[in-house]
Amino acid sequence: MNAFDIALYGHLSFDNIYEGFNYKTSVGCIGNVWSQLKFINPDLRVKVEVTDIGESLIMADIKQCKRTSISRLSLKTNTPIVHDASVSHIMYLNELTDVSFIKDIKGFVTADTCNGKQLKLDKDILGCIDLLLISEEDLVIEATLLASYVRNHVLVHTPAGSILYSKNGCQQQFKAEFVPNINVLGAGDKFAAYILAGLLDYTQSTDKVIQKAHDSLTHYFKNEKI
């Protein structure tokens, strides 16, 4: 039995959020995934290993379901300890100061990116990633090219669904119901949490995990509005 169900590696941020002139603060990045995992199942054994600490200034428009931000995600950096986990997730791969630890991670490995630096096409690192999650708006490299570098799959996601690109050249499309007037802050992180939780069920195929993640996130947002 692994020491943890899920290990999270990556950025932790202090978020300064403006919705119009209304101001609030929040914990972002890895905090979003941890929080959603605990919402999905409070009994999950989740290990948080922070590699970079930073700060963000965020503007959000809930009515138009959009946001923009300026971030300094690596004001402080740390070399992480690699933990034994069933699934390991690396946050904001394109912004990590040090990626060398990734080669030491065992088991199923997922990663994601954020708006910022262009992701380096490094086969030594990307070849350790079983599933790379990337939003369509952050995709600046051809998805088929990215898929040729990772160990298995690249999932390009939007609010209306996603496309799974496999290393063997296959593509599979998934649909999601678009939910208007929601707080999109951390939506991609929440989606990642549902993917991670689904991967713990070894009886489910990857395509079923992805579709269930879309459906679960839609249900969450619909209920969050009430």
Protein backbone atom coordinates (compact mmCIF):
# COMPACT_ATOMS: atom_id res chain seq x y z
CA MET A 1 0.00 0.00 0.00
CA ASN A 2 1.31 3.44 -0.93
CA ALA A 3 1.96 5.97 1.83
CA PHE A 4 -0.46 8.44 0.17
CA ASP A 5 -3.32 8.29 -2.30
CA ILE A 6 -2.25 11.51 -4.02
CA ALA A 7 0.90 13.61 -3.82
CA LEU A 8 0.74 17.24 -5.01
CA TYR A 9 3.88 19.07 -6.08
CA GLY A 10 4.15 22.68 -7.21
CA HIS A 11 3.18 26.27 -6.56
CA LEU A 12 1.37 27.76 -3.59
CA SER A 13 0.21 31.36 -4.00
CA PHE A 14 -1.29 34.21 -2.01
CA ASP A 15 -4.11 35.47 -4.25
CA ASN A 16 -5.30 39.09 -4.15
CA ILE A 17 -8.69 38.97 -5.92
CA TYR A 18 -10.80 41.84 -7.25
CA GLU A 19 -14.38 41.31 -8.42
CA GLY A 20 -15.11 44.84 -9.52
CA PHE A 21 -13.99 46.90 -6.52
CA ASN A 22 -14.69 44.08 -4.07
CA TYR A 23 -11.43 42.72 -2.69
CA LYS A 24 -10.67 39.41 -1.03
CA THR A 25 -7.72 37.12 -0.51
CA SER A 26 -7.37 33.40 -0.99
CA VAL A 27 -4.88 30.54 -1.18
CA GLY A 28 -4.30 29.59 -4.81
CA CYS A 29 -2.57 27.05 -7.04
CA ILE A 30 -1.93 23.84 -5.11
CA GLY A 31 -4.41 25.02 -2.47
CA ASN A 32 -7.25 24.86 -5.01
CA VAL A 33 -6.55 21.23 -5.87
CA TRP A 34 -6.10 20.20 -2.23
CA SER A 35 -9.36 21.89 -1.24
CA GLN A 36 -11.35 20.26 -4.04
CA LEU A 37 -9.89 16.82 -3.31
CA LYS A 38 -10.99 17.15 0.30
CA PHE A 39 -14.43 18.23 -0.93
CA ILE A 40 -14.63 15.13 -3.14
CA ASN A 41 -13.49 12.77 -0.39
CA PRO A 42 -12.33 14.05 3.02
CA ASP A 43 -10.71 10.67 3.71
CA LEU A 44 -8.23 10.89 0.84
CA ARG A 45 -4.62 10.73 1.98
CA VAL A 46 -3.19 13.79 0.24
CA LYS A 47 0.41 14.94 0.64
CA VAL A 48 1.23 18.54 -0.28
CA GLU A 49 4.83 19.22 -1.27
CA VAL A 50 5.28 22.91 -2.10
CA THR A 51 8.11 23.70 -4.51
CA ASP A 52 7.47 27.41 -5.15
CA ILE A 53 5.66 30.12 -3.17
CA GLY A 54 4.36 33.23 -4.89
CA GLU A 55 1.67 35.86 -5.14
CA SER A 56 -1.01 36.83 -7.70
CA LEU A 57 -3.13 39.88 -8.43
CA ILE A 58 -6.36 38.68 -10.03
CA MET A 59 -9.35 40.38 -11.65
CA ALA A 60 -12.49 38.26 -12.05
CA ASP A 61 -15.76 38.87 -13.87
CA ILE A 62 -18.31 36.24 -12.81
CA LYS A 63 -21.06 37.42 -15.18
CA GLN A 64 -18.78 36.97 -18.19
CA CYS A 65 -17.01 33.89 -16.75
CA LYS A 66 -13.57 35.35 -17.28
CA ARG A 67 -10.49 36.31 -15.31
CA THR A 68 -7.03 37.74 -15.80
CA SER A 69 -4.03 37.99 -13.52
CA ILE A 70 -0.45 39.07 -12.96
CA SER A 71 1.59 36.58 -10.98
CA ARG A 72 5.02 36.09 -9.49
CA LEU A 73 4.80 32.40 -8.69
CA SER A 74 8.36 31.70 -7.55
CA LEU A 75 9.25 34.36 -4.98
CA LYS A 76 10.54 31.53 -2.79
CA THR A 77 11.68 28.10 -3.96
CA ASN A 78 12.33 24.76 -2.34
CA THR A 79 13.63 21.34 -3.39
CA PRO A 80 10.76 18.91 -2.73
CA ILE A 81 10.86 15.50 -1.12
CA VAL A 82 9.44 12.82 -3.42
CA HIS A 83 6.73 10.72 -1.75
CA ASP A 84 5.26 7.28 -2.39
CA ALA A 85 1.74 7.81 -3.79
CA SER A 86 -0.73 6.06 -6.07
CA VAL A 87 -1.06 9.22 -8.18
CA SER A 88 1.30 12.19 -8.25
CA HIS A 89 0.34 15.58 -9.71
CA ILE A 90 2.75 18.35 -10.69
CA MET A 91 1.27 21.83 -10.83
CA TYR A 92 2.25 24.45 -13.37
CA LEU A 93 5.03 22.48 -15.00
CA ASN A 94 5.94 25.39 -17.27
CA GLU A 95 6.62 27.70 -14.30
CA LEU A 96 8.55 25.35 -12.01
CA THR A 97 12.00 26.60 -11.01
CA ASP A 98 13.40 23.07 -10.68
CA VAL A 99 11.95 20.04 -12.49
CA SER A 100 14.71 17.52 -11.74
CA PHE A 101 12.69 15.80 -8.98
CA ILE A 102 10.09 14.63 -11.50
CA LYS A 103 12.36 11.84 -12.74
CA ASP A 104 12.31 10.32 -9.23
CA ILE A 105 8.51 10.05 -8.99
CA LYS A 106 7.10 6.52 -9.29
CA GLY A 107 3.61 5.40 -10.25
CA PHE A 108 1.03 7.33 -12.30
CA VAL A 109 2.12 10.93 -12.88
CA THR A 110 -0.06 13.83 -14.06
CA ALA A 111 0.90 17.46 -14.61
CA ASP A 112 -0.65 20.72 -15.73
CA THR A 113 0.43 24.15 -16.96
CA CYS A 114 -0.68 27.74 -16.52
CA ASN A 115 -0.59 30.97 -18.48
CA GLY A 116 3.04 32.06 -18.44
CA LYS A 117 6.29 30.67 -19.75
CA GLN A 118 6.24 28.37 -22.77
CA LEU A 119 6.50 24.72 -21.82
CA LYS A 120 9.89 23.26 -22.70
CA LEU A 121 9.82 20.22 -24.99
CA ASP A 122 12.13 18.17 -22.77
CA LYS A 123 11.74 14.43 -23.40
CA ASP A 124 13.52 13.56 -20.16
CA ILE A 125 10.83 15.41 -18.16
CA LEU A 126 7.72 15.14 -20.34
CA GLY A 127 8.49 11.45 -20.84
CA CYS A 128 7.76 10.96 -17.13
CA ILE A 129 4.22 12.37 -17.49
CA ASP A 130 1.36 9.93 -18.08
CA LEU A 131 -1.31 12.61 -18.48
CA LEU A 132 -0.62 16.28 -19.19
CA LEU A 133 -3.56 18.64 -18.59
CA ILE A 134 -3.56 21.94 -20.45
CA SER A 135 -6.32 24.47 -21.10
CA GLU A 136 -6.96 25.45 -24.70
CA GLU A 137 -6.18 29.11 -23.92
CA ASP A 138 -2.73 28.13 -22.60
CA LEU A 139 -1.92 25.85 -25.54
CA VAL A 140 0.85 27.45 -27.60
CA ILE A 141 2.35 24.19 -28.90
CA GLU A 142 0.54 21.77 -31.20
CA ALA A 143 -1.22 19.19 -29.03
CA THR A 144 -0.14 16.36 -31.31
CA LEU A 145 3.48 17.45 -30.90
CA LEU A 146 3.12 17.58 -27.12
CA ALA A 147 1.60 14.09 -27.15
CA SER A 148 4.69 12.74 -28.89
CA TYR A 149 6.82 13.85 -25.92
CA VAL A 150 4.74 12.62 -22.95
CA ARG A 151 4.56 9.05 -21.70
CA ASN A 152 0.90 8.55 -22.65
CA HIS A 153 -1.63 11.37 -23.12
CA VAL A 154 -2.27 15.12 -23.39
CA LEU A 155 -5.73 16.43 -22.41
CA VAL A 156 -6.65 19.84 -23.84
CA HIS A 157 -9.69 21.15 -21.95
CA THR A 158 -12.20 23.99 -22.29
CA PRO A 159 -15.40 24.90 -20.37
CA ALA A 160 -17.33 22.95 -23.04
CA GLY A 161 -15.29 19.74 -22.97
CA SER A 162 -11.88 18.37 -23.88
CA ILE A 163 -9.85 16.40 -26.41
CA LEU A 164 -7.52 13.58 -25.40
CA TYR A 165 -4.44 13.25 -27.60
CA SER A 166 -2.64 9.93 -27.30
CA LYS A 167 0.99 9.23 -28.02
CA ASN A 168 -0.08 6.75 -30.72
CA GLY A 169 -1.86 9.51 -32.63
CA CYS A 170 -5.43 8.72 -31.54
CA GLN A 171 -7.81 11.50 -30.46
CA GLN A 172 -10.95 11.30 -28.34
CA GLN A 173 -13.42 14.09 -27.65
CA PHE A 174 -15.40 14.68 -24.46
CA LYS A 175 -18.30 17.06 -23.97
CA ALA A 176 -19.24 19.11 -20.93
CA GLU A 177 -22.25 21.30 -20.26
CA PHE A 178 -21.29 24.97 -20.16
CA VAL A 179 -22.44 26.57 -16.90
CA PRO A 180 -22.81 30.39 -17.12
CA ASN A 181 -22.32 32.96 -14.35
CA ILE A 182 -19.83 30.96 -12.31
CA ASN A 183 -16.63 31.88 -10.53
CA VAL A 184 -13.97 30.60 -12.91
CA LEU A 185 -11.14 31.14 -10.43
CA GLY A 186 -9.43 27.80 -9.94
CA ALA A 187 -11.80 26.00 -12.33
CA GLY A 188 -8.92 24.23 -14.04
CA ASP A 189 -7.50 23.20 -10.67
CA LYS A 190 -10.88 21.82 -9.61
CA PHE A 191 -11.11 19.85 -12.86
CA ALA A 192 -7.66 18.41 -12.18
CA ALA A 193 -8.82 17.32 -8.71
CA TYR A 194 -11.70 15.31 -10.20
CA ILE A 195 -9.26 13.70 -12.66
CA LEU A 196 -6.88 12.75 -9.84
CA ALA A 197 -9.65 11.31 -7.67
CA GLY A 198 -10.97 9.30 -10.61
CA LEU A 199 -7.55 7.84 -11.39
CA LEU A 200 -7.51 6.19 -7.95
CA ASP A 201 -10.25 3.85 -9.21
CA TYR A 202 -8.21 1.37 -11.23
CA THR A 203 -11.38 -0.23 -12.60
CA GLN A 204 -12.09 2.91 -14.66
CA SER A 205 -10.49 3.53 -18.04
CA THR A 206 -8.89 6.92 -18.72
CA ASP A 207 -11.76 8.01 -20.97
CA LYS A 208 -14.33 7.21 -18.28
CA VAL A 209 -12.28 9.12 -15.69
CA ILE A 210 -12.21 12.20 -17.94
CA GLN A 211 -15.92 12.17 -18.77
CA LYS A 212 -16.84 11.65 -15.12
CA ALA A 213 -14.57 14.57 -14.16
CA HIS A 214 -16.40 16.84 -16.60
CA ASP A 215 -19.80 15.69 -15.32
CA SER A 216 -18.79 16.06 -11.67
CA LEU A 217 -17.41 19.56 -12.18
CA THR A 218 -20.60 20.62 -13.98
CA HIS A 219 -22.67 19.29 -11.07
CA TYR A 220 -20.41 21.13 -8.60
CA PHE A 221 -20.74 24.48 -10.38
CA LYS A 222 -24.52 24.15 -10.71
CA ASN A 223 -24.86 23.54 -6.99
CA GLU A 224 -22.32 26.22 -6.09
CA LYS A 225 -24.61 28.82 -7.69
CA ILE A 226 -27.54 27.97 -5.43
